């Protein structure tokens, strides 16, 4: 059974072997932490942007990337604390659109299927999930005009305690011998 733990610690200081980043299919990263990962994990960002441009990413999927290790230069000194894998959890079709339950469910299911071989054959035991884009995605949806009446039910933001946390627990709890640190904003009480 996986051990899910909520934490307020900075995700970029995590010693996790796999980092889960919630992204969209447009390739636009509005969250400041996600924007910082563009330079910290440039190989992942290029892989993600290429998939966005190709149109091969769908909302509700997970793009797993095995990071290349730097052998020389300034990046080599911090390689020991960086993740070996990055999972780009595609939770939306645009940065201003809220996460939908169906997309999050499908993306977590896809992630679950991709994690099993990594746990069994690569020895992955520690994962860090950046939860702020899941929680704050509804803040960006109020910037534009209101959605048409027919789409109101499909664009309602998900609640952390009622929707997101139970879904994370349900989809990831049965993974064997795994510690999952869920990095939440300080506004969420642990």
C-alpha atoms as a PDB file:
ATOM      1  CA  UNK A   1       0.000   0.000   0.000  1.00  0.00           C
ATOM      2  CA  UNK A   2       1.174   3.496  -0.837  1.00  0.00           C
ATOM      3  CA  UNK A   3       1.633   6.005   1.943  1.00  0.00           C
ATOM      4  CA  UNK A   4       0.191   9.420   0.957  1.00  0.00           C
ATOM      5  CA  UNK A   5       1.471  12.301   3.075  1.00  0.00           C
ATOM      6  CA  UNK A   6       0.492  15.947   2.769  1.00  0.00           C
ATOM      7  CA  UNK A   7       3.323  18.435   3.186  1.00  0.00           C
ATOM      8  CA  UNK A   8       3.963  22.167   2.906  1.00  0.00           C
ATOM      9  CA  UNK A   9       7.654  21.659   2.060  1.00  0.00           C
ATOM     10  CA  UNK A  10       8.920  23.171  -1.203  1.00  0.00           C
ATOM     11  CA  UNK A  11       8.605  20.562  -3.951  1.00  0.00           C
ATOM     12  CA  UNK A  12      11.776  21.638  -5.740  1.00  0.00           C
ATOM     13  CA  UNK A  13      13.786  20.627  -2.642  1.00  0.00           C
ATOM     14  CA  UNK A  14      12.257  17.159  -2.621  1.00  0.00           C
ATOM     15  CA  UNK A  15      14.463  14.084  -2.833  1.00  0.00           C
ATOM     16  CA  UNK A  16      11.781  12.128  -4.697  1.00  0.00           C
ATOM     17  CA  UNK A  17      12.754   9.766  -7.489  1.00  0.00           C
ATOM     18  CA  UNK A  18       9.706  10.771  -9.530  1.00  0.00           C
ATOM     19  CA  UNK A  19       8.111  14.201  -9.715  1.00  0.00           C
ATOM     20  CA  UNK A  20       4.467  14.615 -10.798  1.00  0.00           C
ATOM     21  CA  UNK A  21       3.671  17.962 -12.419  1.00  0.00           C
ATOM     22  CA  UNK A  22       0.074  18.869 -13.355  1.00  0.00           C
ATOM     23  CA  UNK A  23       0.133  20.472 -16.824  1.00  0.00           C
ATOM     24  CA  UNK A  24      -2.189  21.297 -19.727  1.00  0.00           C
ATOM     25  CA  UNK A  25      -2.260  20.432 -23.426  1.00  0.00           C
ATOM     26  CA  UNK A  26      -1.495  24.012 -24.510  1.00  0.00           C
ATOM     27  CA  UNK A  27       2.086  23.876 -23.214  1.00  0.00           C
ATOM     28  CA  UNK A  28       1.633  27.069 -21.168  1.00  0.00           C
ATOM     29  CA  UNK A  29       2.813  26.942 -17.540  1.00  0.00           C
ATOM     30  CA  UNK A  30       1.365  29.810 -15.468  1.00  0.00           C
ATOM     31  CA  UNK A  31       2.253  28.600 -11.977  1.00  0.00           C
ATOM     32  CA  UNK A  32       5.601  30.096 -10.855  1.00  0.00           C
ATOM     33  CA  UNK A  33       6.919  26.728  -9.645  1.00  0.00           C
ATOM     34  CA  UNK A  34       5.974  25.024 -12.914  1.00  0.00           C
ATOM     35  CA  UNK A  35       7.604  27.892 -14.817  1.00  0.00           C
ATOM     36  CA  UNK A  36      10.783  27.314 -12.810  1.00  0.00           C
ATOM     37  CA  UNK A  37      10.808  23.635 -13.816  1.00  0.00           C
ATOM     38  CA  UNK A  38      11.263  24.772 -17.426  1.00  0.00           C
ATOM     39  CA  UNK A  39      14.887  25.620 -16.674  1.00  0.00           C
ATOM     40  CA  UNK A  40      15.523  23.134 -13.872  1.00  0.00           C
ATOM     41  CA  UNK A  41      14.329  20.180 -15.937  1.00  0.00           C
ATOM     42  CA  UNK A  42      14.846  21.546 -19.455  1.00  0.00           C
ATOM     43  CA  UNK A  43      14.927  18.072 -21.029  1.00  0.00           C
ATOM     44  CA  UNK A  44      11.450  17.335 -19.652  1.00  0.00           C
ATOM     45  CA  UNK A  45      10.090  20.707 -20.759  1.00  0.00           C
ATOM     46  CA  UNK A  46      11.340  20.221 -24.333  1.00  0.00           C
ATOM     47  CA  UNK A  47       9.788  16.735 -24.411  1.00  0.00           C
ATOM     48  CA  UNK A  48       6.493  18.132 -23.064  1.00  0.00           C
ATOM     49  CA  UNK A  49       6.422  21.129 -25.478  1.00  0.00           C
ATOM     50  CA  UNK A  50       7.144  18.862 -28.455  1.00  0.00           C
ATOM     51  CA  UNK A  51       4.209  16.636 -27.476  1.00  0.00           C
ATOM     52  CA  UNK A  52       1.980  19.728 -27.159  1.00  0.00           C
ATOM     53  CA  UNK A  53       3.003  21.010 -30.600  1.00  0.00           C
ATOM     54  CA  UNK A  54       2.520  17.552 -32.169  1.00  0.00           C
ATOM     55  CA  UNK A  55      -0.975  17.328 -30.713  1.00  0.00           C
ATOM     56  CA  UNK A  56      -0.141  13.964 -29.136  1.00  0.00           C
ATOM     57  CA  UNK A  57      -1.214  15.055 -25.633  1.00  0.00           C
ATOM     58  CA  UNK A  58      -4.805  14.696 -24.556  1.00  0.00           C
ATOM     59  CA  UNK A  59      -6.376  15.987 -21.371  1.00  0.00           C
ATOM     60  CA  UNK A  60      -6.593  13.004 -19.069  1.00  0.00           C
ATOM     61  CA  UNK A  61      -3.264  11.436 -20.017  1.00  0.00           C
ATOM     62  CA  UNK A  62       0.162  11.217 -18.414  1.00  0.00           C
ATOM     63  CA  UNK A  63       3.414  11.886 -20.252  1.00  0.00           C
ATOM     64  CA  UNK A  64       6.248  10.105 -18.433  1.00  0.00           C
ATOM     65  CA  UNK A  65       9.794  11.290 -19.098  1.00  0.00           C
ATOM     66  CA  UNK A  66      13.043   9.623 -18.022  1.00  0.00           C
ATOM     67  CA  UNK A  67      15.490  12.420 -17.370  1.00  0.00           C
ATOM     68  CA  UNK A  68      18.933  12.488 -18.913  1.00  0.00           C
ATOM     69  CA  UNK A  69      21.769  12.860 -16.432  1.00  0.00           C
ATOM     70  CA  UNK A  70      24.265  15.660 -16.880  1.00  0.00           C
ATOM     71  CA  UNK A  71      27.823  14.386 -16.886  1.00  0.00           C
ATOM     72  CA  UNK A  72      29.634  17.734 -16.785  1.00  0.00           C
ATOM     73  CA  UNK A  73      29.008  21.379 -15.998  1.00  0.00           C
ATOM     74  CA  UNK A  74      27.208  23.091 -13.139  1.00  0.00           C
ATOM     75  CA  UNK A  75      24.169  20.793 -13.240  1.00  0.00           C
ATOM     76  CA  UNK A  76      26.191  17.721 -12.276  1.00  0.00           C
ATOM     77  CA  UNK A  77      26.637  18.871  -8.681  1.00  0.00           C
ATOM     78  CA  UNK A  78      22.902  18.785  -7.982  1.00  0.00           C
ATOM     79  CA  UNK A  79      22.109  15.608  -9.920  1.00  0.00           C
ATOM     80  CA  UNK A  80      21.905  13.460  -6.774  1.00  0.00           C
ATOM     81  CA  UNK A  81      18.877  15.337  -5.426  1.00  0.00           C
ATOM     82  CA  UNK A  82      16.991  15.590  -8.715  1.00  0.00           C
ATOM     83  CA  UNK A  83      14.266  13.173  -9.826  1.00  0.00           C
ATOM     84  CA  UNK A  84      15.069  10.432 -12.307  1.00  0.00           C
ATOM     85  CA  UNK A  85      11.580  10.615 -13.820  1.00  0.00           C
ATOM     86  CA  UNK A  86       9.021  13.337 -14.336  1.00  0.00           C
ATOM     87  CA  UNK A  87       5.360  12.560 -14.922  1.00  0.00           C
ATOM     88  CA  UNK A  88       3.482  15.338 -16.707  1.00  0.00           C
ATOM     89  CA  UNK A  89      -0.094  14.808 -15.525  1.00  0.00           C
ATOM     90  CA  UNK A  90      -2.303  16.397 -18.201  1.00  0.00           C
ATOM     91  CA  UNK A  91      -5.258  17.718 -16.208  1.00  0.00           C
ATOM     92  CA  UNK A  92      -6.608  20.421 -18.516  1.00  0.00           C
ATOM     93  CA  UNK A  93      -6.792  21.504 -22.134  1.00  0.00           C
ATOM     94  CA  UNK A  94      -5.796  25.113 -21.356  1.00  0.00           C
ATOM     95  CA  UNK A  95      -4.209  26.899 -18.374  1.00  0.00           C
ATOM     96  CA  UNK A  96      -7.336  29.032 -17.838  1.00  0.00           C
ATOM     97  CA  UNK A  97      -9.700  26.039 -17.814  1.00  0.00           C
ATOM     98  CA  UNK A  98     -10.348  24.228 -14.529  1.00  0.00           C
ATOM     99  CA  UNK A  99      -9.476  20.606 -13.979  1.00  0.00           C
ATOM    100  CA  UNK A 100     -12.404  18.313 -14.665  1.00  0.00           C
ATOM    101  CA  UNK A 101     -13.052  15.203 -12.636  1.00  0.00           C
ATOM    102  CA  UNK A 102     -12.995  12.978 -15.728  1.00  0.00           C
ATOM    103  CA  UNK A 103      -9.632  14.346 -16.872  1.00  0.00           C
ATOM    104  CA  UNK A 104      -8.063  13.979 -13.443  1.00  0.00           C
ATOM    105  CA  UNK A 105      -9.435  10.434 -13.064  1.00  0.00           C
ATOM    106  CA  UNK A 106      -8.127   9.389 -16.493  1.00  0.00           C
ATOM    107  CA  UNK A 107      -4.725  11.022 -15.923  1.00  0.00           C
ATOM    108  CA  UNK A 108      -4.303   9.299 -12.537  1.00  0.00           C
ATOM    109  CA  UNK A 109      -5.306   5.955 -14.066  1.00  0.00           C
ATOM    110  CA  UNK A 110      -2.733   6.438 -16.840  1.00  0.00           C
ATOM    111  CA  UNK A 111      -0.109   7.413 -14.243  1.00  0.00           C
ATOM    112  CA  UNK A 112      -0.947   4.316 -12.166  1.00  0.00           C
ATOM    113  CA  UNK A 113      -0.379   2.011 -15.168  1.00  0.00           C
ATOM    114  CA  UNK A 114       2.966   3.664 -15.949  1.00  0.00           C
ATOM    115  CA  UNK A 115       4.144   3.531 -12.318  1.00  0.00           C
ATOM    116  CA  UNK A 116       3.791  -0.255 -11.873  1.00  0.00           C
ATOM    117  CA  UNK A 117       6.829  -1.162 -14.058  1.00  0.00           C
ATOM    118  CA  UNK A 118       8.892   1.641 -12.488  1.00  0.00           C
ATOM    119  CA  UNK A 119       8.140   0.365  -9.007  1.00  0.00           C
ATOM    120  CA  UNK A 120       8.824  -3.265  -9.905  1.00  0.00           C
ATOM    121  CA  UNK A 121      11.836  -2.901 -12.187  1.00  0.00           C
ATOM    122  CA  UNK A 122      13.418   0.503 -11.447  1.00  0.00           C
ATOM    123  CA  UNK A 123      13.005   0.535  -7.668  1.00  0.00           C
ATOM    124  CA  UNK A 124      10.988   3.749  -7.452  1.00  0.00           C
ATOM    125  CA  UNK A 125       9.935   4.249  -3.817  1.00  0.00           C
ATOM    126  CA  UNK A 126       9.514   8.040  -3.366  1.00  0.00           C
ATOM    127  CA  UNK A 127       7.218  10.267  -5.389  1.00  0.00           C
ATOM    128  CA  UNK A 128       6.399  13.964  -5.029  1.00  0.00           C
ATOM    129  CA  UNK A 129       3.150  15.408  -6.408  1.00  0.00           C
ATOM    130  CA  UNK A 130       2.775  19.158  -6.896  1.00  0.00           C
ATOM    131  CA  UNK A 131      -0.865  19.781  -5.929  1.00  0.00           C
ATOM    132  CA  UNK A 132      -1.189  23.573  -6.214  1.00  0.00           C
ATOM    133  CA  UNK A 133      -2.174  23.570  -9.928  1.00  0.00           C
ATOM    134  CA  UNK A 134      -4.927  21.071  -9.095  1.00  0.00           C
ATOM    135  CA  UNK A 135      -6.250  23.283  -6.316  1.00  0.00           C
ATOM    136  CA  UNK A 136      -5.699  26.728  -7.829  1.00  0.00           C
ATOM    137  CA  UNK A 137      -6.821  25.954 -11.379  1.00  0.00           C
ATOM    138  CA  UNK A 138     -10.245  27.381 -10.631  1.00  0.00           C
ATOM    139  CA  UNK A 139      -8.694  30.787  -9.863  1.00  0.00           C
ATOM    140  CA  UNK A 140      -7.622  31.152 -13.489  1.00  0.00           C
ATOM    141  CA  UNK A 141     -11.082  30.254 -14.781  1.00  0.00           C
ATOM    142  CA  UNK A 142     -12.548  33.497 -13.415  1.00  0.00           C
ATOM    143  CA  UNK A 143     -10.192  35.704 -15.439  1.00  0.00           C
ATOM    144  CA  UNK A 144     -12.073  35.449 -18.747  1.00  0.00           C
ATOM    145  CA  UNK A 145     -15.733  35.757 -19.449  1.00  0.00           C
ATOM    146  CA  UNK A 146     -18.195  33.396 -17.852  1.00  0.00           C
ATOM    147  CA  UNK A 147     -18.716  30.072 -19.616  1.00  0.00           C
ATOM    148  CA  UNK A 148     -21.849  29.406 -21.673  1.00  0.00           C
ATOM    149  CA  UNK A 149     -24.772  27.954 -19.749  1.00  0.00           C
ATOM    150  CA  UNK A 150     -24.367  24.533 -21.353  1.00  0.00           C
ATOM    151  CA  UNK A 151     -20.772  24.227 -20.078  1.00  0.00           C
ATOM    152  CA  UNK A 152     -21.328  25.467 -16.513  1.00  0.00           C
ATOM    153  CA  UNK A 153     -21.641  21.943 -15.074  1.00  0.00           C
ATOM    154  CA  UNK A 154     -18.491  20.819 -16.900  1.00  0.00           C
ATOM    155  CA  UNK A 155     -16.372  23.759 -15.763  1.00  0.00           C
ATOM    156  CA  UNK A 156     -17.081  23.879 -12.040  1.00  0.00           C
ATOM    157  CA  UNK A 157     -13.833  23.742 -10.049  1.00  0.00           C
ATOM    158  CA  UNK A 158     -13.029  20.631  -8.068  1.00  0.00           C
ATOM    159  CA  UNK A 159     -12.913  20.893  -4.287  1.00  0.00           C
ATOM    160  CA  UNK A 160      -9.706  19.716  -2.574  1.00  0.00           C
ATOM    161  CA  UNK A 161     -11.355  17.853   0.318  1.00  0.00           C
ATOM    162  CA  UNK A 162     -14.416  16.530  -1.517  1.00  0.00           C
ATOM    163  CA  UNK A 163     -13.017  15.721  -4.971  1.00  0.00           C
ATOM    164  CA  UNK A 164      -9.242  15.887  -5.429  1.00  0.00           C
ATOM    165  CA  UNK A 165      -7.843  14.277  -2.260  1.00  0.00           C
ATOM    166  CA  UNK A 166     -10.287  11.314  -2.312  1.00  0.00           C
ATOM    167  CA  UNK A 167      -9.497  10.760  -6.007  1.00  0.00           C
ATOM    168  CA  UNK A 168      -5.740  10.826  -5.364  1.00  0.00           C
ATOM    169  CA  UNK A 169      -6.171   8.376  -2.507  1.00  0.00           C
ATOM    170  CA  UNK A 170      -8.414   6.048  -4.512  1.00  0.00           C
ATOM    171  CA  UNK A 171      -6.197   5.944  -7.616  1.00  0.00           C
ATOM    172  CA  UNK A 172      -2.760   5.799  -5.965  1.00  0.00           C
ATOM    173  CA  UNK A 173      -3.292   4.051  -2.638  1.00  0.00           C
ATOM    174  CA  UNK A 174      -2.915   0.486  -3.909  1.00  0.00           C
ATOM    175  CA  UNK A 175       0.571   1.053  -5.377  1.00  0.00           C
ATOM    176  CA  UNK A 176       3.023  -1.207  -3.499  1.00  0.00           C
ATOM    177  CA  UNK A 177       5.841   0.038  -1.230  1.00  0.00           C
ATOM    178  CA  UNK A 178       5.568   3.664  -2.233  1.00  0.00           C
ATOM    179  CA  UNK A 179       5.734   6.962  -0.377  1.00  0.00           C
ATOM    180  CA  UNK A 180       3.879   9.797  -2.088  1.00  0.00           C
ATOM    181  CA  UNK A 181       4.472  13.305  -0.748  1.00  0.00           C
ATOM    182  CA  UNK A 182       1.636  15.572  -1.856  1.00  0.00           C
ATOM    183  CA  UNK A 183       2.937  19.143  -1.776  1.00  0.00           C
ATOM    184  CA  UNK A 184      -0.010  21.423  -0.985  1.00  0.00           C
ATOM    185  CA  UNK A 185      -0.146  25.198  -0.488  1.00  0.00           C
ATOM    186  CA  UNK A 186      -0.086  26.567   3.053  1.00  0.00           C
ATOM    187  CA  UNK A 187      -3.751  27.533   2.722  1.00  0.00           C
ATOM    188  CA  UNK A 188      -4.611  23.805   2.970  1.00  0.00           C
ATOM    189  CA  UNK A 189      -4.581  22.561   6.528  1.00  0.00           C
ATOM    190  CA  UNK A 190      -2.703  19.303   7.053  1.00  0.00           C
END
